[in-house]
Amino acid sequence: MAAVNRLLIALGVGAMGALGAGGRYIVVEWVARWWRGPVPVATLIINVSGAFALGVATTALTTPGGLAARLLIGAGFLGGYT
């Protein structure tokens, strides 16, 4: 049963990574509408917001049962986002 859980978590991390990459694309396109300059402001916004969200998620999910959620959110969604 543990192998099935690991497989499901791995698939979930991949799916969340895809969602995070989509979120990054949306933010980059939104910032590009408002900022056309030599400084990559969208990258700065992505990195700062992703680091902040990772800190909040890691702190909020410190319970022993929160490992799967930390993997899905931290490694999956936020990994794809940043």
C-alpha atoms as a PDB file:
ATOM      1  CA  MET A   1       0.000   0.000   0.000  1.00  0.00           C
ATOM      2  CA  ALA A   2       2.882   2.385   0.653  1.00  0.00           C
ATOM      3  CA  ALA A   3       4.047   2.061  -2.960  1.00  0.00           C
ATOM      4  CA  VAL A   4       0.606   3.094  -4.194  1.00  0.00           C
ATOM      5  CA  ASN A   5       0.638   6.151  -1.918  1.00  0.00           C
ATOM      6  CA  ARG A   6       4.077   7.143  -3.178  1.00  0.00           C
ATOM      7  CA  LEU A   7       2.909   6.805  -6.757  1.00  0.00           C
ATOM      8  CA  LEU A   8      -0.183   8.911  -6.096  1.00  0.00           C
ATOM      9  CA  ILE A   9       1.891  11.584  -4.383  1.00  0.00           C
ATOM     10  CA  ALA A  10       4.368  11.599  -7.283  1.00  0.00           C
ATOM     11  CA  LEU A  11       1.540  11.966  -9.797  1.00  0.00           C
ATOM     12  CA  GLY A  12      -0.027  14.669  -7.646  1.00  0.00           C
ATOM     13  CA  VAL A  13       3.245  16.594  -7.455  1.00  0.00           C
ATOM     14  CA  GLY A  14       3.504  16.463 -11.246  1.00  0.00           C
ATOM     15  CA  ALA A  15      -0.075  17.652 -11.693  1.00  0.00           C
ATOM     16  CA  MET A  16       0.396  20.454  -9.174  1.00  0.00           C
ATOM     17  CA  GLY A  17       3.626  21.433 -10.942  1.00  0.00           C
ATOM     18  CA  ALA A  18       1.673  21.807 -14.160  1.00  0.00           C
ATOM     19  CA  LEU A  19      -0.855  24.031 -12.388  1.00  0.00           C
ATOM     20  CA  GLY A  20       1.963  26.090 -10.893  1.00  0.00           C
ATOM     21  CA  ALA A  21       3.548  26.577 -14.307  1.00  0.00           C
ATOM     22  CA  GLY A  22       0.179  27.724 -15.616  1.00  0.00           C
ATOM     23  CA  GLY A  23      -0.078  30.162 -12.724  1.00  0.00           C
ATOM     24  CA  ARG A  24       3.360  31.527 -13.541  1.00  0.00           C
ATOM     25  CA  TYR A  25       2.334  32.053 -17.161  1.00  0.00           C
ATOM     26  CA  ILE A  26      -0.772  33.969 -16.069  1.00  0.00           C
ATOM     27  CA  VAL A  27       1.225  36.237 -13.731  1.00  0.00           C
ATOM     28  CA  VAL A  28       3.912  36.883 -16.353  1.00  0.00           C
ATOM     29  CA  GLU A  29       1.317  37.790 -18.987  1.00  0.00           C
ATOM     30  CA  TRP A  30      -0.528  40.048 -16.537  1.00  0.00           C
ATOM     31  CA  VAL A  31       2.666  41.891 -15.550  1.00  0.00           C
ATOM     32  CA  ALA A  32       3.695  42.175 -19.217  1.00  0.00           C
ATOM     33  CA  ARG A  33       0.545  44.190 -19.881  1.00  0.00           C
ATOM     34  CA  TRP A  34       1.628  46.800 -17.366  1.00  0.00           C
ATOM     35  CA  TRP A  35       5.420  46.731 -17.546  1.00  0.00           C
ATOM     36  CA  ARG A  36       7.542  46.906 -20.678  1.00  0.00           C
ATOM     37  CA  GLY A  37      11.072  47.605 -19.569  1.00  0.00           C
ATOM     38  CA  PRO A  38      14.576  46.217 -19.405  1.00  0.00           C
ATOM     39  CA  VAL A  39      14.139  44.973 -15.816  1.00  0.00           C
ATOM     40  CA  PRO A  40      12.373  41.570 -15.524  1.00  0.00           C
ATOM     41  CA  VAL A  41       9.772  42.671 -12.981  1.00  0.00           C
ATOM     42  CA  ALA A  42       7.623  39.590 -13.592  1.00  0.00           C
ATOM     43  CA  THR A  43      10.486  37.318 -12.529  1.00  0.00           C
ATOM     44  CA  LEU A  44      10.966  39.372  -9.379  1.00  0.00           C
ATOM     45  CA  ILE A  45       7.260  39.167  -8.541  1.00  0.00           C
ATOM     46  CA  ILE A  46       7.182  35.410  -9.175  1.00  0.00           C
ATOM     47  CA  ASN A  47      10.252  34.719  -7.028  1.00  0.00           C
ATOM     48  CA  VAL A  48       9.225  36.923  -4.109  1.00  0.00           C
ATOM     49  CA  SER A  49       5.624  35.719  -4.021  1.00  0.00           C
ATOM     50  CA  GLY A  50       6.696  32.085  -4.439  1.00  0.00           C
ATOM     51  CA  ALA A  51       9.229  32.305  -1.617  1.00  0.00           C
ATOM     52  CA  PHE A  52       6.670  33.960   0.649  1.00  0.00           C
ATOM     53  CA  ALA A  53       4.018  31.357  -0.194  1.00  0.00           C
ATOM     54  CA  LEU A  54       6.490  28.522   0.425  1.00  0.00           C
ATOM     55  CA  GLY A  55       7.311  29.946   3.852  1.00  0.00           C
ATOM     56  CA  VAL A  56       3.631  30.276   4.740  1.00  0.00           C
ATOM     57  CA  ALA A  57       2.779  26.779   3.469  1.00  0.00           C
ATOM     58  CA  THR A  58       5.720  25.152   5.227  1.00  0.00           C
ATOM     59  CA  THR A  59       4.823  26.843   8.504  1.00  0.00           C
ATOM     60  CA  ALA A  60       1.120  26.053   8.208  1.00  0.00           C
ATOM     61  CA  LEU A  61       1.648  22.388   7.309  1.00  0.00           C
ATOM     62  CA  THR A  62       4.151  21.361   9.988  1.00  0.00           C
ATOM     63  CA  THR A  63       1.904  18.642  11.401  1.00  0.00           C
ATOM     64  CA  PRO A  64       3.112  15.062  10.912  1.00  0.00           C
ATOM     65  CA  GLY A  65       0.186  14.352   8.594  1.00  0.00           C
ATOM     66  CA  GLY A  66       1.016  17.378   6.477  1.00  0.00           C
ATOM     67  CA  LEU A  67       3.905  15.774   4.593  1.00  0.00           C
ATOM     68  CA  ALA A  68       1.841  14.948   1.520  1.00  0.00           C
ATOM     69  CA  ALA A  69       0.340  18.439   1.472  1.00  0.00           C
ATOM     70  CA  ARG A  70       3.799  20.007   1.819  1.00  0.00           C
ATOM     71  CA  LEU A  71       5.020  17.940  -1.118  1.00  0.00           C
ATOM     72  CA  LEU A  72       2.010  18.785  -3.269  1.00  0.00           C
ATOM     73  CA  ILE A  73       2.075  22.498  -2.505  1.00  0.00           C
ATOM     74  CA  GLY A  74       5.797  23.086  -1.960  1.00  0.00           C
ATOM     75  CA  ALA A  75       7.487  20.804  -4.448  1.00  0.00           C
ATOM     76  CA  GLY A  76       4.547  20.623  -6.847  1.00  0.00           C
ATOM     77  CA  PHE A  77       2.642  23.867  -7.242  1.00  0.00           C
ATOM     78  CA  LEU A  78       5.242  26.298  -5.957  1.00  0.00           C
ATOM     79  CA  GLY A  79       8.056  24.419  -7.677  1.00  0.00           C
ATOM     80  CA  GLY A  80       6.277  24.854 -10.990  1.00  0.00           C
ATOM     81  CA  TYR A  81       5.368  28.432 -10.144  1.00  0.00           C
ATOM     82  CA  THR A  82       8.872  29.566  -9.302  1.00  0.00           C
END
